[in-house]
Amino acid sequence: MQDLLDRLRDAIERHCVKPSTNTVLPGLLLFRAEAPTTPMDLVYEPRFCVIVQGSKQVMLCDQTFDYDASKYMVTAVDLPVTSHIAHASVDEPYLALCLTLDPVQIADVLLEMRQGQDGGALHCSRCMVVNDLTRHILDPVTRLVGLLDEPGDIAFLRRSIVRELLYRLLQGPQGGVLRQIATAGSNLSHLNRAIAWIREHYAEAFDIAEVARLAGMSASSFHRHFRAATMMSPLQYRTRLRLQEARRQLMSGRVDAAEAGFAVGYDSPSQFSREYRRMFGSPPARDAQRIRAENAVNMRELELVE
């Protein structure tokens, strides 16, 4: 498998000279870093990720995911996380890729596999998992990135390579969750509607029962499935979105703590400061000042990723 990793590393090094590169291949992003980074707050959308060199740590609530070139990561719903690159240097930069998971493409593969009908019966399971990288998965990934060297082949070969990759992922440990992404009647597809609504309306007060109705569930069932998928309650999810957005606004230096808190839905400055400190370990203004001083490069990477 090392031969494939070497080919993939060489291709990413040639095509990614910035912290983040959005390639001509739809949904494929490449990443590069020449030093470890401080923790960054992001929302991971449904994606498949591989690290080719270096390592990364991703924190979701109280769980930590460590992965490197021996692993791959799959996320199946929008998840607010904190992540940082753990190992990178000028001589051996961190190199990675992410491919957006398209429900339509997954459904198309499922139809041919004749497994689509199974997705609705599955219960929601954890929607961020790190698994061992295999040659069966790495091979189509390497060929997909290799198309960047042969742009004339992209239109003809990209679809078949992506289908092969999705087929391999569907056969792996995350196959059940991936089927739910693409199955209209699954619990996860219902949850995704509610999650999309919360992301759009995070600054507003809302009734859990009303959001549960968007997912076609009772409030208790919605709460149970939501926690199983995201490792947090719906209100905790909203709080994380609020605080991450407030932190990003504070890091820009264009607003103060009171303005940032109000902008993301807090009526009480003291409650905002209390919850911010509980999540990030420091009061809002002090935390933002520290981050700006530590790593301005990471701020630019954050804007590119999101």
Protein backbone atom coordinates (compact mmCIF):
# COMPACT_ATOMS: atom_id res chain seq x y z
CA MET A 1 0.00 0.00 0.00
CA GLN A 2 3.01 2.27 0.47
CA ASP A 3 3.36 2.62 -3.30
CA LEU A 4 -0.12 4.15 -3.50
CA LEU A 5 0.56 6.47 -0.58
CA ASP A 6 3.78 7.64 -2.27
CA ARG A 7 1.95 8.37 -5.54
CA LEU A 8 -0.83 10.18 -3.71
CA ARG A 9 1.61 12.22 -1.63
CA ASP A 10 3.53 13.31 -4.73
CA ALA A 11 0.31 14.35 -6.49
CA ILE A 12 -0.95 16.41 -3.54
CA GLU A 13 2.43 18.09 -3.11
CA ARG A 14 2.35 19.20 -6.73
CA HIS A 15 -1.26 20.37 -6.80
CA CYS A 16 -1.56 21.90 -3.32
CA VAL A 17 0.88 24.68 -2.50
CA LYS A 18 -1.56 26.63 -0.29
CA PRO A 19 -3.16 25.58 3.01
CA SER A 20 -6.30 24.63 1.09
CA THR A 21 -6.92 24.02 -2.61
CA ASN A 22 -10.35 23.55 -4.17
CA THR A 23 -9.57 21.37 -7.18
CA VAL A 24 -11.26 21.17 -10.59
CA LEU A 25 -12.65 17.79 -9.49
CA PRO A 26 -16.10 18.52 -7.97
CA GLY A 27 -16.10 18.11 -4.20
CA LEU A 28 -12.38 17.34 -3.90
CA LEU A 29 -10.27 19.56 -1.64
CA LEU A 30 -6.55 19.23 -0.91
CA PHE A 31 -4.80 20.45 2.24
CA ARG A 32 -1.22 21.27 3.19
CA ALA A 33 0.52 22.54 6.33
CA GLU A 34 4.20 22.87 7.13
CA ALA A 35 3.80 23.17 10.91
CA PRO A 36 1.38 21.96 13.58
CA THR A 37 -1.64 24.22 14.02
CA THR A 38 -3.58 25.49 17.00
CA PRO A 39 -7.13 24.10 17.45
CA MET A 40 -9.63 25.49 14.93
CA ASP A 41 -13.42 25.42 15.16
CA LEU A 42 -15.12 24.06 12.04
CA VAL A 43 -18.32 22.44 10.89
CA TYR A 44 -17.55 19.19 9.08
CA GLU A 45 -20.13 18.47 6.42
CA PRO A 46 -20.65 14.90 5.13
CA ARG A 47 -17.24 13.98 3.77
CA PHE A 48 -14.60 11.32 3.28
CA CYS A 49 -11.08 12.30 4.37
CA VAL A 50 -7.62 10.77 4.00
CA ILE A 51 -4.33 11.99 5.45
CA VAL A 52 -1.35 11.10 3.28
CA GLN A 53 1.39 12.55 5.49
CA GLY A 54 1.36 13.89 9.03
CA SER A 55 -1.48 13.48 11.52
CA LYS A 56 -4.52 15.29 12.83
CA GLN A 57 -6.68 15.34 15.94
CA VAL A 58 -10.40 16.07 15.79
CA MET A 59 -12.53 16.65 18.88
CA LEU A 60 -16.29 16.16 18.87
CA CYS A 61 -17.79 16.92 22.28
CA ASP A 62 -15.77 14.82 24.73
CA GLN A 63 -14.48 12.33 22.16
CA THR A 64 -11.10 12.66 20.45
CA PHE A 65 -10.32 11.16 17.05
CA ASP A 66 -6.65 10.73 16.10
CA TYR A 67 -5.82 9.74 12.57
CA ASP A 68 -2.92 9.63 10.16
CA ALA A 69 -1.96 7.91 6.89
CA SER A 70 -3.12 4.54 8.23
CA LYS A 71 -6.74 5.69 8.68
CA TYR A 72 -9.61 7.38 6.89
CA MET A 73 -12.43 9.44 8.36
CA VAL A 74 -16.09 9.59 7.37
CA THR A 75 -18.62 12.13 8.64
CA ALA A 76 -22.27 11.65 7.76
CA VAL A 77 -23.97 14.81 9.08
CA ASP A 78 -22.92 18.43 9.70
CA LEU A 79 -20.86 18.29 12.91
CA PRO A 80 -19.30 21.22 14.84
CA VAL A 81 -15.80 20.08 15.75
CA THR A 82 -12.47 21.41 16.97
CA SER A 83 -9.44 20.12 15.10
CA HIS A 84 -5.73 20.69 14.79
CA ILE A 85 -2.85 19.31 12.78
CA ALA A 86 -0.64 17.42 15.22
CA HIS A 87 2.39 16.54 13.07
CA ALA A 88 3.76 18.59 10.18
CA SER A 89 7.07 20.15 9.17
CA VAL A 90 8.69 21.87 6.22
CA ASP A 91 10.51 18.66 5.26
CA GLU A 92 7.42 16.48 5.79
CA PRO A 93 4.34 18.68 5.42
CA TYR A 94 0.88 17.60 6.44
CA LEU A 95 -0.92 16.50 3.25
CA ALA A 96 -4.55 15.45 3.10
CA LEU A 97 -7.68 15.36 0.97
CA CYS A 98 -11.42 15.48 1.55
CA LEU A 99 -14.19 14.42 -0.81
CA THR A 100 -17.74 15.67 -0.27
CA LEU A 101 -20.22 12.82 0.06
CA ASP A 102 -23.07 13.37 -2.39
CA PRO A 103 -26.34 11.57 -1.43
CA VAL A 104 -27.39 11.37 -5.09
CA GLN A 105 -24.17 9.61 -6.08
CA ILE A 106 -24.43 7.22 -3.12
CA ALA A 107 -28.05 6.44 -3.98
CA ASP A 108 -27.05 5.71 -7.57
CA VAL A 109 -24.43 3.20 -6.41
CA LEU A 110 -26.88 1.67 -3.95
CA LEU A 111 -29.43 1.18 -6.69
CA GLU A 112 -26.95 -0.85 -8.67
CA MET A 113 -25.88 -2.76 -5.56
CA ARG A 114 -29.59 -3.44 -4.84
CA GLN A 115 -29.10 -2.43 -1.20
CA GLY A 116 -30.94 0.87 -1.12
CA GLN A 117 -34.03 -0.69 0.43
CA ASP A 118 -32.08 -1.63 3.57
CA GLY A 119 -31.19 1.93 4.59
CA GLY A 120 -34.54 2.90 6.10
CA ALA A 121 -34.45 0.10 8.64
CA LEU A 122 -31.16 1.19 10.14
CA HIS A 123 -31.01 3.12 13.39
CA CYS A 124 -28.89 6.24 13.66
CA SER A 125 -25.36 5.47 14.74
CA ARG A 126 -22.37 7.68 15.41
CA CYS A 127 -21.79 9.89 12.40
CA MET A 128 -18.05 10.47 12.73
CA VAL A 129 -15.81 7.43 12.59
CA VAL A 130 -12.14 6.74 11.86
CA ASN A 131 -11.42 3.39 10.19
CA ASP A 132 -8.34 1.56 8.94
CA LEU A 133 -7.35 2.56 5.41
CA THR A 134 -7.21 -0.37 3.01
CA ARG A 135 -5.71 -0.79 -0.44
CA HIS A 136 -9.21 -1.25 -1.89
CA ILE A 137 -10.08 2.28 -0.74
CA LEU A 138 -6.71 3.90 -1.35
CA ASP A 139 -6.48 2.69 -4.95
CA PRO A 140 -9.46 4.64 -6.36
CA VAL A 141 -8.52 7.65 -4.24
CA THR A 142 -5.04 7.66 -5.81
CA ARG A 143 -6.47 7.37 -9.32
CA LEU A 144 -8.99 10.14 -8.62
CA VAL A 145 -6.32 12.62 -7.51
CA GLY A 146 -4.16 11.41 -10.41
CA LEU A 147 -6.74 12.86 -12.80
CA LEU A 148 -5.43 16.32 -11.85
CA ASP A 149 -2.39 15.45 -13.97
CA GLU A 150 -4.62 14.42 -16.89
CA PRO A 151 -7.42 17.02 -16.99
CA GLY A 152 -8.57 15.77 -20.38
CA ASP A 153 -9.56 12.47 -18.75
CA ILE A 154 -11.67 13.99 -15.96
CA ALA A 155 -14.96 14.14 -17.83
CA PHE A 156 -14.73 10.50 -18.90
CA LEU A 157 -13.15 8.80 -15.87
CA ARG A 158 -14.13 10.79 -12.75
CA ARG A 159 -17.63 9.36 -12.37
CA SER A 160 -16.51 5.73 -12.58
CA ILE A 161 -13.67 6.24 -10.10
CA VAL A 162 -15.92 8.02 -7.58
CA ARG A 163 -18.49 5.22 -7.96
CA GLU A 164 -15.80 2.64 -7.24
CA LEU A 165 -14.71 4.53 -4.14
CA LEU A 166 -18.29 4.84 -2.86
CA TYR A 167 -18.81 1.13 -3.51
CA ARG A 168 -15.77 0.30 -1.37
CA LEU A 169 -16.91 2.63 1.41
CA LEU A 170 -20.40 1.14 1.36
CA GLN A 171 -18.86 -2.29 1.86
CA GLY A 172 -16.79 -1.08 4.82
CA PRO A 173 -17.57 -0.39 8.49
CA GLN A 174 -19.40 2.84 7.63
CA GLY A 175 -21.60 1.27 4.97
CA GLY A 176 -24.73 1.43 7.11
CA VAL A 177 -24.40 5.15 7.84
CA LEU A 178 -23.58 5.92 4.20
CA ARG A 179 -26.71 4.09 3.10
CA GLN A 180 -28.73 6.26 5.45
CA ILE A 181 -27.29 9.43 3.87
CA ALA A 182 -28.83 8.45 0.57
CA THR A 183 -32.04 6.71 1.70
CA ALA A 184 -34.98 9.11 1.79
CA GLY A 185 -36.86 7.24 4.52
CA SER A 186 -33.97 6.70 6.92
CA ASN A 187 -33.73 8.27 10.36
CA LEU A 188 -30.50 9.98 9.33
CA SER A 189 -32.06 11.61 6.28
CA HIS A 190 -34.84 12.93 8.53
CA LEU A 191 -32.27 14.21 11.03
CA ASN A 192 -30.36 15.97 8.27
CA ARG A 193 -33.42 18.11 7.53
CA ALA A 194 -33.59 19.19 11.15
CA ILE A 195 -29.84 19.76 11.37
CA ALA A 196 -29.94 21.96 8.27
CA TRP A 197 -32.72 24.00 9.88
CA ILE A 198 -30.78 24.42 13.13
CA ARG A 199 -27.67 25.53 11.24
CA GLU A 200 -29.70 28.18 9.43
CA HIS A 201 -31.58 29.37 12.54
CA TYR A 202 -28.99 28.83 15.30
CA ALA A 203 -29.28 32.44 16.50
CA GLU A 204 -33.02 32.04 17.15
CA ALA A 205 -34.92 30.47 20.03
CA PHE A 206 -36.82 27.38 18.97
CA ASP A 207 -39.08 24.69 20.34
CA ILE A 208 -37.56 21.19 20.21
CA ALA A 209 -40.98 19.71 19.43
CA GLU A 210 -41.26 21.90 16.32
CA VAL A 211 -37.81 20.90 15.07
CA ALA A 212 -38.62 17.26 15.81
CA ARG A 213 -41.65 17.57 13.54
CA LEU A 214 -39.29 18.63 10.72
CA ALA A 215 -37.61 15.26 11.21
CA GLY A 216 -40.95 13.46 11.37
CA MET A 217 -40.27 12.26 14.91
CA SER A 218 -41.64 12.71 18.38
CA ALA A 219 -39.57 14.98 20.63
CA SER A 220 -38.22 12.03 22.64
CA SER A 221 -37.35 9.98 19.55
CA PHE A 222 -35.73 13.01 17.91
CA HIS A 223 -33.64 13.71 20.97
CA ARG A 224 -32.49 10.07 21.16
CA HIS A 225 -31.57 9.78 17.49
CA PHE A 226 -29.93 13.22 17.45
CA ARG A 227 -27.65 12.36 20.37
CA ALA A 228 -26.78 8.97 18.87
CA ALA A 229 -25.73 10.61 15.59
CA THR A 230 -23.97 13.75 16.84
CA MET A 231 -22.95 12.84 20.42
CA MET A 232 -24.81 15.90 21.73
CA SER A 233 -28.36 17.10 22.32
CA PRO A 234 -30.05 19.49 19.85
CA LEU A 235 -29.59 22.41 22.26
CA GLN A 236 -25.93 21.53 22.83
CA TYR A 237 -25.51 21.42 19.05
CA ARG A 238 -27.04 24.90 18.73
CA THR A 239 -24.82 26.22 21.55
CA ARG A 240 -21.69 24.94 19.82
CA LEU A 241 -22.71 26.57 16.55
CA ARG A 242 -23.37 29.84 18.36
CA LEU A 243 -20.09 29.87 20.25
CA GLN A 244 -18.00 28.82 17.24
CA GLU A 245 -19.52 31.63 15.17
CA ALA A 246 -19.00 34.12 18.00
CA ARG A 247 -15.38 33.04 18.28
CA ARG A 248 -14.85 33.53 14.56
CA GLN A 249 -16.35 37.01 14.72
CA LEU A 250 -14.17 37.91 17.69
CA MET A 251 -11.06 36.64 15.93
CA SER A 252 -11.75 39.09 13.08
CA GLY A 253 -11.28 41.97 15.52
CA ARG A 254 -14.30 43.82 14.10
CA VAL A 255 -16.66 43.25 17.05
CA ASP A 256 -16.36 43.12 20.84
CA ALA A 257 -17.63 40.34 23.09
CA ALA A 258 -21.05 41.90 23.71
CA GLU A 259 -21.66 42.43 19.98
CA ALA A 260 -20.56 38.90 19.12
CA GLY A 261 -22.77 37.37 21.79
CA PHE A 262 -25.81 39.34 20.68
CA ALA A 263 -25.19 38.49 17.02
CA VAL A 264 -25.33 34.74 17.68
CA GLY A 265 -28.47 34.84 19.82
CA TYR A 266 -27.46 35.63 23.40
CA ASP A 267 -29.55 38.26 25.22
CA SER A 268 -27.41 38.03 28.36
CA PRO A 269 -23.71 39.03 28.09
CA SER A 270 -22.97 37.19 31.33
CA GLN A 271 -24.52 33.95 30.04
CA PHE A 272 -22.57 34.29 26.79
CA SER A 273 -19.30 34.86 28.63
CA ARG A 274 -20.00 31.96 31.00
CA GLU A 275 -20.82 29.47 28.23
CA TYR A 276 -17.93 30.71 26.07
CA ARG A 277 -15.45 30.23 28.89
CA ARG A 278 -16.87 26.77 29.65
CA MET A 279 -16.33 25.69 26.04
CA PHE A 280 -13.04 27.43 25.18
CA GLY A 281 -11.37 27.83 28.58
CA SER A 282 -11.00 31.64 28.55
CA PRO A 283 -13.26 34.71 28.48
CA PRO A 284 -14.22 35.77 24.93
CA ALA A 285 -11.94 38.79 24.44
CA ARG A 286 -8.88 37.15 25.99
CA ASP A 287 -9.37 33.97 23.99
CA ALA A 288 -9.69 35.81 20.68
CA GLN A 289 -6.62 37.94 21.40
CA ARG A 290 -4.56 34.84 22.17
CA ILE A 291 -5.59 33.06 19.00
CA ARG A 292 -4.89 36.09 16.78
CA ALA A 293 -1.44 36.39 18.30
CA GLU A 294 -0.65 32.69 17.96
CA ASN A 295 -1.48 31.91 14.40
CA ALA A 296 -2.92 34.28 11.80
CA VAL A 297 -2.21 31.69 9.11
CA ASN A 298 -4.69 29.32 10.70
CA MET A 299 -7.41 31.96 10.41
CA ARG A 300 -6.92 32.11 6.65
CA GLU A 301 -7.07 28.33 6.43
CA LEU A 302 -10.31 28.33 8.45
CA GLU A 303 -11.95 30.75 6.00
CA LEU A 304 -10.89 28.59 3.06
CA VAL A 305 -12.13 25.35 4.62
CA GLU A 306 -15.55 26.73 5.47
